PDB file of all heavy atoms in Angstrom:
ATOM      1  N   LYS A   1     114.457 -12.285   6.138  1.00  0.00           N
ATOM      2  CA  LYS A   1     115.693 -11.695   6.713  1.00  0.00           C
ATOM      3  C   LYS A   1     116.521 -12.637   7.265  1.00  0.00           C
ATOM      4  O   LYS A   1     116.072 -13.685   7.719  1.00  0.00           O
ATOM      5  CB  LYS A   1     115.263 -10.719   7.891  1.00  0.00           C
ATOM      6  CG  LYS A   1     116.375  -9.797   8.316  1.00  0.00           C
ATOM      7  CD  LYS A   1     115.835  -8.711   9.271  1.00  0.00           C
ATOM      8  CE  LYS A   1     116.859  -7.481   9.283  1.00  0.00           C
ATOM      9  NZ  LYS A   1     116.290  -6.469  10.027  1.00  0.00           N
ATOM     10  N   THR A   2     117.838 -12.494   7.103  1.00  0.00           N
ATOM     11  CA  THR A   2     118.876 -13.404   7.787  1.00  0.00           C
ATOM     12  C   THR A   2     119.314 -12.719   9.143  1.00  0.00           C
ATOM     13  O   THR A   2     119.790 -11.603   9.050  1.00  0.00           O
ATOM     14  CB  THR A   2     120.110 -13.629   6.890  1.00  0.00           C
ATOM     15  OG1 THR A   2     119.654 -14.231   5.645  1.00  0.00           O
ATOM     16  CG2 THR A   2     121.098 -14.484   7.547  1.00  0.00           C
ATOM     17  N   LEU A   3     119.023 -13.307  10.286  1.00  0.00           N
ATOM     18  CA  LEU A   3     119.426 -12.757  11.558  1.00  0.00           C
ATOM     19  C   LEU A   3     120.944 -13.072  11.924  1.00  0.00           C
ATOM     20  O   LEU A   3     121.471 -12.256  12.472  1.00  0.00           O
ATOM     21  CB  LEU A   3     118.372 -13.271  12.617  1.00  0.00           C
ATOM     22  CG  LEU A   3     117.037 -13.008  12.445  1.00  0.00           C
ATOM     23  CD1 LEU A   3     116.195 -13.555  13.701  1.00  0.00           C
ATOM     24  CD2 LEU A   3     116.796 -11.477  12.273  1.00  0.00           C
ATOM     25  N   VAL A   4     121.260 -14.241  11.646  1.00  0.00           N
ATOM     26  CA  VAL A   4     122.642 -14.812  11.919  1.00  0.00           C
ATOM     27  C   VAL A   4     123.136 -15.436  10.827  1.00  0.00           C
ATOM     28  O   VAL A   4     122.503 -16.346  10.267  1.00  0.00           O
ATOM     29  CB  VAL A   4     122.633 -15.583  13.254  1.00  0.00           C
ATOM     30  CG1 VAL A   4     123.997 -16.162  13.608  1.00  0.00           C
ATOM     31  CG2 VAL A   4     121.958 -14.950  14.514  1.00  0.00           C
ATOM     32  N   ASP A   5     124.440 -15.161  10.411  1.00  0.00           N
ATOM     33  CA  ASP A   5     125.090 -15.930   9.418  1.00  0.00           C
ATOM     34  C   ASP A   5     126.582 -15.855   9.635  1.00  0.00           C
ATOM     35  O   ASP A   5     127.304 -14.991   9.130  1.00  0.00           O
ATOM     36  CB  ASP A   5     124.681 -15.447   7.939  1.00  0.00           C
ATOM     37  CG  ASP A   5     125.246 -16.367   6.934  1.00  0.00           C
ATOM     38  OD1 ASP A   5     125.878 -17.410   7.203  1.00  0.00           O
ATOM     39  OD2 ASP A   5     125.141 -15.978   5.789  1.00  0.00           O
ATOM     40  N   SER A   6     127.117 -16.678  10.607  1.00  0.00           N
ATOM     41  CA  SER A   6     128.474 -16.414  11.034  1.00  0.00           C
ATOM     42  C   SER A   6     129.059 -17.639  11.659  1.00  0.00           C
ATOM     43  O   SER A   6     128.222 -18.456  12.206  1.00  0.00           O
ATOM     44  CB  SER A   6     128.611 -15.255  11.999  1.00  0.00           C
ATOM     45  OG  SER A   6     127.961 -15.421  13.033  1.00  0.00           O
ATOM     46  N   ASN A   7     130.324 -17.852  11.751  1.00  0.00           N
ATOM     47  CA  ASN A   7     131.033 -18.789  12.626  1.00  0.00           C
ATOM     48  C   ASN A   7     130.953 -18.477  14.057  1.00  0.00           C
ATOM     49  O   ASN A   7     131.384 -17.280  14.361  1.00  0.00           O
ATOM     50  CB  ASN A   7     132.438 -19.134  12.128  1.00  0.00           C
ATOM     51  CG  ASN A   7     132.455 -19.866  10.848  1.00  0.00           C
ATOM     52  OD1 ASN A   7     132.183 -20.987  10.854  1.00  0.00           O
ATOM     53  ND2 ASN A   7     132.991 -19.215   9.882  1.00  0.00           N
ATOM     54  N   GLN A   8     130.531 -19.254  14.892  1.00  0.00           N
ATOM     55  CA  GLN A   8     130.357 -19.008  16.315  1.00  0.00           C
ATOM     56  C   GLN A   8     130.886 -20.028  17.119  1.00  0.00           C
ATOM     57  O   GLN A   8     130.995 -21.356  16.756  1.00  0.00           O
ATOM     58  CB  GLN A   8     128.867 -18.806  16.724  1.00  0.00           C
ATOM     59  CG  GLN A   8     128.272 -17.548  16.073  1.00  0.00           C
ATOM     60  CD  GLN A   8     126.867 -17.363  16.411  1.00  0.00           C
ATOM     61  OE1 GLN A   8     126.101 -18.193  16.865  1.00  0.00           O
ATOM     62  NE2 GLN A   8     126.485 -16.027  16.309  1.00  0.00           N
ATOM     63  N   PRO A   9     131.426 -19.747  18.355  1.00  0.00           N
ATOM     64  CA  PRO A   9     131.993 -20.846  19.251  1.00  0.00           C
ATOM     65  C   PRO A   9     130.832 -21.618  19.898  1.00  0.00           C
ATOM     66  O   PRO A   9     129.746 -21.078  19.788  1.00  0.00           O
ATOM     67  CB  PRO A   9     132.723 -19.992  20.372  1.00  0.00           C
ATOM     68  CG  PRO A   9     132.010 -18.687  20.352  1.00  0.00           C
ATOM     69  CD  PRO A   9     131.607 -18.365  18.908  1.00  0.00           C
ATOM     70  N   ALA A  10     131.154 -22.714  20.424  1.00  0.00           N
ATOM     71  CA  ALA A  10     130.040 -23.503  21.181  1.00  0.00           C
ATOM     72  C   ALA A  10     129.532 -22.735  22.284  1.00  0.00           C
ATOM     73  O   ALA A  10     130.287 -21.827  22.822  1.00  0.00           O
ATOM     74  CB  ALA A  10     130.734 -24.735  21.680  1.00  0.00           C
ATOM     75  N   GLY A  11     128.311 -22.796  22.628  1.00  0.00           N
ATOM     76  CA  GLY A  11     127.628 -22.141  23.781  1.00  0.00           C
ATOM     77  C   GLY A  11     126.196 -21.786  23.483  1.00  0.00           C
ATOM     78  O   GLY A  11     125.562 -22.341  22.530  1.00  0.00           O
ATOM     79  N   ARG A  12     125.604 -21.016  24.338  1.00  0.00           N
ATOM     80  CA  ARG A  12     124.300 -20.645  24.094  1.00  0.00           C
ATOM     81  C   ARG A  12     124.307 -19.025  23.671  1.00  0.00           C
ATOM     82  O   ARG A  12     125.037 -18.327  24.299  1.00  0.00           O
ATOM     83  CB  ARG A  12     123.465 -20.776  25.462  1.00  0.00           C
ATOM     84  CG  ARG A  12     123.364 -22.232  25.804  1.00  0.00           C
ATOM     85  CD  ARG A  12     122.558 -22.375  27.114  1.00  0.00           C
ATOM     86  NE  ARG A  12     121.184 -21.760  26.831  1.00  0.00           N
ATOM     87  CZ  ARG A  12     120.450 -21.604  27.871  1.00  0.00           C
ATOM     88  NH1 ARG A  12     120.677 -21.867  29.059  1.00  0.00           N
ATOM     89  NH2 ARG A  12     119.196 -20.978  27.717  1.00  0.00           N
ATOM     90  N   PHE A  13     123.340 -18.812  22.835  1.00  0.00           N
ATOM     91  CA  PHE A  13     123.268 -17.398  22.238  1.00  0.00           C
ATOM     92  C   PHE A  13     121.858 -17.003  22.143  1.00  0.00           C
ATOM     93  O   PHE A  13     120.897 -17.737  22.275  1.00  0.00           O
ATOM     94  CB  PHE A  13     123.900 -17.476  20.908  1.00  0.00           C
ATOM     95  CG  PHE A  13     125.240 -17.928  20.734  1.00  0.00           C
ATOM     96  CD1 PHE A  13     125.641 -19.321  20.676  1.00  0.00           C
ATOM     97  CD2 PHE A  13     126.378 -17.101  20.854  1.00  0.00           C
ATOM     98  CE1 PHE A  13     126.881 -19.817  20.635  1.00  0.00           C
ATOM     99  CE2 PHE A  13     127.723 -17.543  20.810  1.00  0.00           C
ATOM    100  CZ  PHE A  13     127.903 -18.826  20.775  1.00  0.00           C
ATOM    101  N   LYS A  14     121.741 -15.746  21.927  1.00  0.00           N
ATOM    102  CA  LYS A  14     120.413 -15.100  21.578  1.00  0.00           C
ATOM    103  C   LYS A  14     120.573 -14.051  20.514  1.00  0.00           C
ATOM    104  O   LYS A  14     121.454 -13.341  20.389  1.00  0.00           O
ATOM    105  CB  LYS A  14     119.660 -14.630  22.833  1.00  0.00           C
ATOM    106  CG  LYS A  14     120.396 -13.373  23.649  1.00  0.00           C
ATOM    107  CD  LYS A  14     119.590 -13.140  24.844  1.00  0.00           C
ATOM    108  CE  LYS A  14     120.310 -12.054  25.610  1.00  0.00           C
ATOM    109  NZ  LYS A  14     119.580 -11.775  26.911  1.00  0.00           N
ATOM    110  N   THR A  15     119.476 -14.010  19.708  1.00  0.00           N
ATOM    111  CA  THR A  15     119.372 -12.935  18.645  1.00  0.00           C
ATOM    112  C   THR A  15     117.958 -12.370  18.663  1.00  0.00           C
ATOM    113  O   THR A  15     117.015 -13.035  19.205  1.00  0.00           O
ATOM    114  CB  THR A  15     119.749 -13.447  17.335  1.00  0.00           C
ATOM    115  OG1 THR A  15     119.792 -12.355  16.369  1.00  0.00           O
ATOM    116  CG2 THR A  15     118.810 -14.461  16.816  1.00  0.00           C
ATOM    117  N   VAL A  16     117.789 -11.165  18.197  1.00  0.00           N
ATOM    118  CA  VAL A  16     116.502 -10.469  18.209  1.00  0.00           C
ATOM    119  C   VAL A  16     116.004 -10.088  16.810  1.00  0.00           C
ATOM    120  O   VAL A  16     116.783  -9.815  15.963  1.00  0.00           O
ATOM    121  CB  VAL A  16     116.538  -9.110  19.063  1.00  0.00           C
ATOM    122  CG1 VAL A  16     115.294  -8.436  18.963  1.00  0.00           C
ATOM    123  CG2 VAL A  16     116.943  -9.403  20.445  1.00  0.00           C
ATOM    124  N   TRP A  17     114.761 -10.386  16.574  1.00  0.00           N
ATOM    125  CA  TRP A  17     114.120  -9.962  15.257  1.00  0.00           C
ATOM    126  C   TRP A  17     113.102  -8.811  15.648  1.00  0.00           C
ATOM    127  O   TRP A  17     112.285  -9.020  16.508  1.00  0.00           O
ATOM    128  CB  TRP A  17     113.413 -11.113  14.644  1.00  0.00           C
ATOM    129  CG  TRP A  17     112.905 -10.739  13.275  1.00  0.00           C
ATOM    130  CD1 TRP A  17     113.407  -9.885  12.415  1.00  0.00           C
ATOM    131  CD2 TRP A  17     111.536 -11.064  12.746  1.00  0.00           C
ATOM    132  NE1 TRP A  17     112.670  -9.632  11.258  1.00  0.00           N
ATOM    133  CE2 TRP A  17     111.441 -10.403  11.447  1.00  0.00           C
ATOM    134  CE3 TRP A  17     110.504 -11.802  13.190  1.00  0.00           C
ATOM    135  CZ2 TRP A  17     110.465 -10.515  10.616  1.00  0.00           C
ATOM    136  CZ3 TRP A  17     109.517 -11.949  12.317  1.00  0.00           C
ATOM    137  CH2 TRP A  17     109.328 -11.335  11.076  1.00  0.00           C
ATOM    138  N   ASP A  18     113.332  -7.761  14.745  1.00  0.00           N
ATOM    139  CA  ASP A  18     112.591  -6.598  15.050  1.00  0.00           C
ATOM    140  C   ASP A  18     111.358  -6.473  14.212  1.00  0.00           C
ATOM    141  O   ASP A  18     110.736  -5.319  14.088  1.00  0.00           O
ATOM    142  CB  ASP A  18     113.464  -5.379  15.040  1.00  0.00           C
ATOM    143  CG  ASP A  18     114.100  -5.206  13.719  1.00  0.00           C
ATOM    144  OD1 ASP A  18     113.742  -5.996  12.808  1.00  0.00           O
ATOM    145  OD2 ASP A  18     114.810  -4.206  13.540  1.00  0.00           O
ATOM    146  N   GLY A  19     110.966  -7.532  13.447  1.00  0.00           N
ATOM    147  CA  GLY A  19     109.849  -7.492  12.541  1.00  0.00           C
ATOM    148  C   GLY A  19     110.057  -6.721  11.407  1.00  0.00           C
ATOM    149  O   GLY A  19     109.064  -6.278  10.691  1.00  0.00           O
ATOM    150  N   THR A  20     111.350  -6.579  10.924  1.00  0.00           N
ATOM    151  CA  THR A  20     111.622  -5.914   9.641  1.00  0.00           C
ATOM    152  C   THR A  20     112.216  -6.967   8.705  1.00  0.00           C
ATOM    153  O   THR A  20     112.734  -7.950   9.027  1.00  0.00           O
ATOM    154  CB  THR A  20     112.558  -4.839   9.760  1.00  0.00           C
ATOM    155  OG1 THR A  20     113.909  -5.300  10.249  1.00  0.00           O
ATOM    156  CG2 THR A  20     112.058  -3.675  10.740  1.00  0.00           C
ATOM    157  N   ASP A  21     112.164  -6.622   7.348  1.00  0.00           N
ATOM    158  CA  ASP A  21     112.749  -7.421   6.300  1.00  0.00           C
ATOM    159  C   ASP A  21     114.269  -7.028   6.144  1.00  0.00           C
ATOM    160  O   ASP A  21     114.757  -6.273   6.808  1.00  0.00           O
ATOM    161  CB  ASP A  21     111.927  -7.383   4.998  1.00  0.00           C
ATOM    162  CG  ASP A  21     111.941  -6.010   4.344  1.00  0.00           C
ATOM    163  OD1 ASP A  21     112.832  -5.124   4.663  1.00  0.00           O
ATOM    164  OD2 ASP A  21     111.184  -5.798   3.400  1.00  0.00           O
ATOM    165  N   ALA A  22     114.840  -7.524   5.010  1.00  0.00           N
ATOM    166  CA  ALA A  22     116.331  -7.428   4.769  1.00  0.00           C
ATOM    167  C   ALA A  22     116.539  -5.945   4.504  1.00  0.00           C
ATOM    168  O   ALA A  22     117.716  -5.458   4.635  1.00  0.00           O
ATOM    169  CB  ALA A  22     116.772  -8.267   3.653  1.00  0.00           C
ATOM    170  N   ASN A  23     115.533  -5.178   4.080  1.00  0.00           N
ATOM    171  CA  ASN A  23     115.730  -3.732   3.849  1.00  0.00           C
ATOM    172  C   ASN A  23     115.322  -2.877   5.128  1.00  0.00           C
ATOM    173  O   ASN A  23     115.157  -1.664   4.889  1.00  0.00           O
ATOM    174  CB  ASN A  23     114.913  -3.276   2.685  1.00  0.00           C
ATOM    175  CG  ASN A  23     115.386  -3.984   1.398  1.00  0.00           C
ATOM    176  OD1 ASN A  23     116.649  -4.140   1.046  1.00  0.00           O
ATOM    177  ND2 ASN A  23     114.518  -4.556   0.593  1.00  0.00           N
ATOM    178  N   ASN A  24     114.997  -3.504   6.262  1.00  0.00           N
ATOM    179  CA  ASN A  24     114.707  -2.811   7.454  1.00  0.00           C
ATOM    180  C   ASN A  24     113.413  -2.136   7.281  1.00  0.00           C
ATOM    181  O   ASN A  24     113.038  -1.230   7.972  1.00  0.00           O
ATOM    182  CB  ASN A  24     115.766  -1.893   7.918  1.00  0.00           C
ATOM    183  CG  ASN A  24     117.046  -2.517   8.444  1.00  0.00           C
ATOM    184  OD1 ASN A  24     116.985  -3.639   9.091  1.00  0.00           O
ATOM    185  ND2 ASN A  24     118.221  -2.076   7.946  1.00  0.00           N
ATOM    186  N   VAL A  25     112.542  -2.673   6.376  1.00  0.00           N
ATOM    187  CA  VAL A  25     111.090  -2.350   6.326  1.00  0.00           C
ATOM    188  C   VAL A  25     110.205  -3.136   7.123  1.00  0.00           C
ATOM    189  O   VAL A  25     110.313  -4.278   6.985  1.00  0.00           O
ATOM    190  CB  VAL A  25     110.666  -2.268   4.837  1.00  0.00           C
ATOM    191  CG1 VAL A  25     109.236  -1.867   4.694  1.00  0.00           C
ATOM    192  CG2 VAL A  25     111.493  -1.391   3.972  1.00  0.00           C
ATOM    193  N   PRO A  26     109.293  -2.575   7.988  1.00  0.00           N
ATOM    194  CA  PRO A  26     108.529  -3.491   8.781  1.00  0.00           C
ATOM    195  C   PRO A  26     107.547  -4.253   7.865  1.00  0.00           C
ATOM    196  O   PRO A  26     107.049  -3.840   6.992  1.00  0.00           O
ATOM    197  CB  PRO A  26     107.651  -2.386   9.563  1.00  0.00           C
ATOM    198  CG  PRO A  26     108.465  -1.102   9.574  1.00  0.00           C
ATOM    199  CD  PRO A  26     109.123  -1.220   8.248  1.00  0.00           C
ATOM    200  N   VAL A  27     107.391  -5.643   8.329  1.00  0.00           N
ATOM    201  CA  VAL A  27     106.544  -6.532   7.533  1.00  0.00           C
ATOM    202  C   VAL A  27     105.319  -6.613   8.213  1.00  0.00           C
ATOM    203  O   VAL A  27     104.947  -5.996   9.148  1.00  0.00           O
ATOM    204  CB  VAL A  27     107.214  -7.950   7.618  1.00  0.00           C
ATOM    205  CG1 VAL A  27     108.646  -7.978   6.925  1.00  0.00           C
ATOM    206  CG2 VAL A  27     107.450  -8.523   9.032  1.00  0.00           C
ATOM    207  N   ALA A  28     104.323  -7.101   7.408  1.00  0.00           N
ATOM    208  CA  ALA A  28     102.977  -7.250   7.737  1.00  0.00           C
ATOM    209  C   ALA A  28     102.776  -8.136   8.934  1.00  0.00           C
ATOM    210  O   ALA A  28     103.596  -9.037   9.134  1.00  0.00           O
ATOM    211  CB  ALA A  28     102.075  -7.625   6.619  1.00  0.00           C
ATOM    212  N   ALA A  29     101.704  -7.925   9.673  1.00  0.00           N
ATOM    213  CA  ALA A  29     101.396  -8.828  10.838  1.00  0.00           C
ATOM    214  C   ALA A  29     101.060 -10.271  10.152  1.00  0.00           C
ATOM    215  O   ALA A  29     100.605 -10.300   9.013  1.00  0.00           O
ATOM    216  CB  ALA A  29     100.196  -8.267  11.502  1.00  0.00           C
ATOM    217  N   GLY A  30     101.250 -11.174  10.950  1.00  0.00           N
ATOM    218  CA  GLY A  30     101.023 -12.670  10.479  1.00  0.00           C
ATOM    219  C   GLY A  30     101.836 -13.662  11.126  1.00  0.00           C
ATOM    220  O   GLY A  30     102.700 -13.307  11.977  1.00  0.00           O
ATOM    221  N   VAL A  31     101.860 -14.842  10.437  1.00  0.00           N
ATOM    222  CA  VAL A  31     102.603 -15.966  10.862  1.00  0.00           C
ATOM    223  C   VAL A  31     103.878 -15.979  10.053  1.00  0.00           C
ATOM    224  O   VAL A  31     103.848 -15.930   8.735  1.00  0.00           O
ATOM    225  CB  VAL A  31     101.814 -17.273  10.661  1.00  0.00           C
ATOM    226  CG1 VAL A  31     102.731 -18.546  10.942  1.00  0.00           C
ATOM    227  CG2 VAL A  31     100.607 -17.216  11.559  1.00  0.00           C
ATOM    228  N   TYR A  32     104.974 -16.089  10.752  1.00  0.00           N
ATOM    229  CA  TYR A  32     106.339 -16.176  10.116  1.00  0.00           C
ATOM    230  C   TYR A  32     107.026 -17.567  10.619  1.00  0.00           C
ATOM    231  O   TYR A  32     106.667 -17.987  11.616  1.00  0.00           O
ATOM    232  CB  TYR A  32     107.160 -15.043  10.304  1.00  0.00           C
ATOM    233  CG  TYR A  32     106.721 -13.815   9.571  1.00  0.00           C
ATOM    234  CD1 TYR A  32     105.690 -12.994  10.107  1.00  0.00           C
ATOM    235  CD2 TYR A  32     106.987 -13.505   8.210  1.00  0.00           C
ATOM    236  CE1 TYR A  32     105.069 -11.873   9.469  1.00  0.00           C
ATOM    237  CE2 TYR A  32     106.438 -12.458   7.686  1.00  0.00           C
ATOM    238  CZ  TYR A  32     105.517 -11.686   8.225  1.00  0.00           C
ATOM    239  OH  TYR A  32     104.941 -10.632   7.438  1.00  0.00           O
ATOM    240  N   PHE A  33     108.114 -17.924  10.156  1.00  0.00           N
ATOM    241  CA  PHE A  33     108.937 -18.968  10.451  1.00  0.00           C
ATOM    242  C   PHE A  33     110.249 -18.645  10.731  1.00  0.00           C
ATOM    243  O   PHE A  33     110.833 -17.627   9.902  1.00  0.00           O
ATOM    244  CB  PHE A  33     108.807 -20.223   9.503  1.00  0.00           C
ATOM    245  CG  PHE A  33     107.371 -20.743   9.433  1.00  0.00           C
ATOM    246  CD1 PHE A  33     106.641 -20.232   8.522  1.00  0.00           C
ATOM    247  CD2 PHE A  33     106.861 -21.708  10.252  1.00  0.00           C
ATOM    248  CE1 PHE A  33     105.242 -20.673   8.309  1.00  0.00           C
ATOM    249  CE2 PHE A  33     105.630 -22.122  10.150  1.00  0.00           C
ATOM    250  CZ  PHE A  33     104.798 -21.679   9.175  1.00  0.00           C
ATOM    251  N   TYR A  34     111.021 -19.195  11.662  1.00  0.00           N
ATOM    252  CA  TYR A  34     112.469 -19.057  11.710  1.00  0.00           C
ATOM    253  C   TYR A  34     113.166 -20.303  11.642  1.00  0.00           C
ATOM    254  O   TYR A  34     112.652 -21.335  12.328  1.00  0.00           O
ATOM    255  CB  TYR A  34     112.842 -18.116  12.899  1.00  0.00           C
ATOM    256  CG  TYR A  34     112.475 -18.706  14.382  1.00  0.00           C
ATOM    257  CD1 TYR A  34     113.404 -19.142  15.116  1.00  0.00           C
ATOM    258  CD2 TYR A  34     111.150 -18.468  14.682  1.00  0.00           C
ATOM    259  CE1 TYR A  34     113.090 -19.703  16.462  1.00  0.00           C
ATOM    260  CE2 TYR A  34     110.797 -19.004  16.079  1.00  0.00           C
ATOM    261  CZ  TYR A  34     111.785 -19.542  16.809  1.00  0.00           C
ATOM    262  OH  TYR A  34     111.390 -20.053  18.076  1.00  0.00           O
ATOM    263  N   GLU A  35     114.266 -20.340  10.901  1.00  0.00           N
ATOM    264  CA  GLU A  35     114.934 -21.675  10.652  1.00  0.00           C
ATOM    265  C   GLU A  35     116.444 -21.411  11.098  1.00  0.00           C
ATOM    266  O   GLU A  35     117.045 -20.468  10.868  1.00  0.00           O
ATOM    267  CB  GLU A  35     114.986 -22.049   9.260  1.00  0.00           C
ATOM    268  CG  GLU A  35     115.734 -23.307   8.801  1.00  0.00           C
ATOM    269  CD  GLU A  35     115.671 -23.571   7.446  1.00  0.00           C
ATOM    270  OE1 GLU A  35     116.343 -22.821   6.650  1.00  0.00           O
ATOM    271  OE2 GLU A  35     115.146 -24.499   6.933  1.00  0.00           O
ATOM    272  N   MET A  36     116.914 -22.431  11.914  1.00  0.00           N
ATOM    273  CA  MET A  36     118.395 -22.521  12.346  1.00  0.00           C
ATOM    274  C   MET A  36     119.025 -23.677  11.471  1.00  0.00           C
ATOM    275  O   MET A  36     118.582 -24.769  11.495  1.00  0.00           O
ATOM    276  CB  MET A  36     118.494 -22.657  13.673  1.00  0.00           C
ATOM    277  CG  MET A  36     119.784 -22.968  14.274  1.00  0.00           C
ATOM    278  SD  MET A  36     119.919 -23.110  16.148  1.00  0.00           S
ATOM    279  CE  MET A  36     121.455 -24.033  16.250  1.00  0.00           C
ATOM    280  N   GLN A  37     120.153 -23.334  10.946  1.00  0.00           N
ATOM    281  CA  GLN A  37     120.957 -24.378  10.210  1.00  0.00           C
ATOM    282  C   GLN A  37     122.355 -24.315  10.972  1.00  0.00           C
ATOM    283  O   GLN A  37     122.946 -23.193  10.946  1.00  0.00           O
ATOM    284  CB  GLN A  37     121.117 -24.169   8.730  1.00  0.00           C
ATOM    285  CG  GLN A  37     119.775 -24.138   8.124  1.00  0.00           C
ATOM    286  CD  GLN A  37     119.949 -23.727   6.547  1.00  0.00           C
ATOM    287  OE1 GLN A  37     121.018 -23.405   6.201  1.00  0.00           O
ATOM    288  NE2 GLN A  37     118.772 -23.847   5.844  1.00  0.00           N
ATOM    289  N   ALA A  38     122.935 -25.432  11.450  1.00  0.00           N
ATOM    290  CA  ALA A  38     124.261 -25.425  12.054  1.00  0.00           C
ATOM    291  C   ALA A  38     124.664 -26.914  11.903  1.00  0.00           C
ATOM    292  O   ALA A  38     124.032 -27.803  12.467  1.00  0.00           O
ATOM    293  CB  ALA A  38     124.186 -25.019  13.510  1.00  0.00           C
ATOM    294  N   GLY A  39     125.800 -27.173  11.234  1.00  0.00           N
ATOM    295  CA  GLY A  39     126.205 -28.413  11.007  1.00  0.00           C
ATOM    296  C   GLY A  39     125.166 -29.319  10.295  1.00  0.00           C
ATOM    297  O   GLY A  39     124.588 -28.727   9.248  1.00  0.00           O
ATOM    298  N   ASP A  40     124.828 -30.368  10.890  1.00  0.00           N
ATOM    299  CA  ASP A  40     123.690 -31.193  10.256  1.00  0.00           C
ATOM    300  C   ASP A  40     122.362 -30.872  10.781  1.00  0.00           C
ATOM    301  O   ASP A  40     121.343 -31.489  10.509  1.00  0.00           O
ATOM    302  CB  ASP A  40     124.006 -32.704  10.488  1.00  0.00           C
ATOM    303  CG  ASP A  40     125.266 -33.199   9.640  1.00  0.00           C
ATOM    304  OD1 ASP A  40     125.586 -32.578   8.604  1.00  0.00           O
ATOM    305  OD2 ASP A  40     126.039 -34.120  10.084  1.00  0.00           O
ATOM    306  N   PHE A  41     122.356 -29.924  11.830  1.00  0.00           N
ATOM    307  CA  PHE A  41     121.096 -29.572  12.448  1.00  0.00           C
ATOM    308  C   PHE A  41     120.303 -28.574  11.718  1.00  0.00           C
ATOM    309  O   PHE A  41     120.837 -27.538  11.422  1.00  0.00           O
ATOM    310  CB  PHE A  41     121.431 -28.982  13.814  1.00  0.00           C
ATOM    311  CG  PHE A  41     120.336 -28.616  14.734  1.00  0.00           C
ATOM    312  CD1 PHE A  41     119.613 -29.484  15.448  1.00  0.00           C
ATOM    313  CD2 PHE A  41     119.872 -27.208  14.675  1.00  0.00           C
ATOM    314  CE1 PHE A  41     118.524 -29.023  16.298  1.00  0.00           C
ATOM    315  CE2 PHE A  41     118.842 -26.801  15.454  1.00  0.00           C
ATOM    316  CZ  PHE A  41     118.174 -27.717  16.185  1.00  0.00           C
ATOM    317  N   VAL A  42     119.099 -28.759  11.520  1.00  0.00           N
ATOM    318  CA  VAL A  42     118.045 -27.938  10.941  1.00  0.00           C
ATOM    319  C   VAL A  42     116.782 -27.983  11.753  1.00  0.00           C
ATOM    320  O   VAL A  42     116.308 -29.125  11.965  1.00  0.00           O
ATOM    321  CB  VAL A  42     117.795 -28.152   9.443  1.00  0.00           C
ATOM    322  CG1 VAL A  42     116.748 -27.224   8.917  1.00  0.00           C
ATOM    323  CG2 VAL A  42     119.050 -28.175   8.639  1.00  0.00           C
TER     324      VAL A  42
END
């Protein structure tokens, strides 16, 4: 799932993941990863 994909101003933000996939179907329990890309930062 993509949680955030937009132009944003400088600052501090928060977003929530509800454990669903891109079709809003709950995913299985387990280990997942989240990745942030912004400018040259990954």
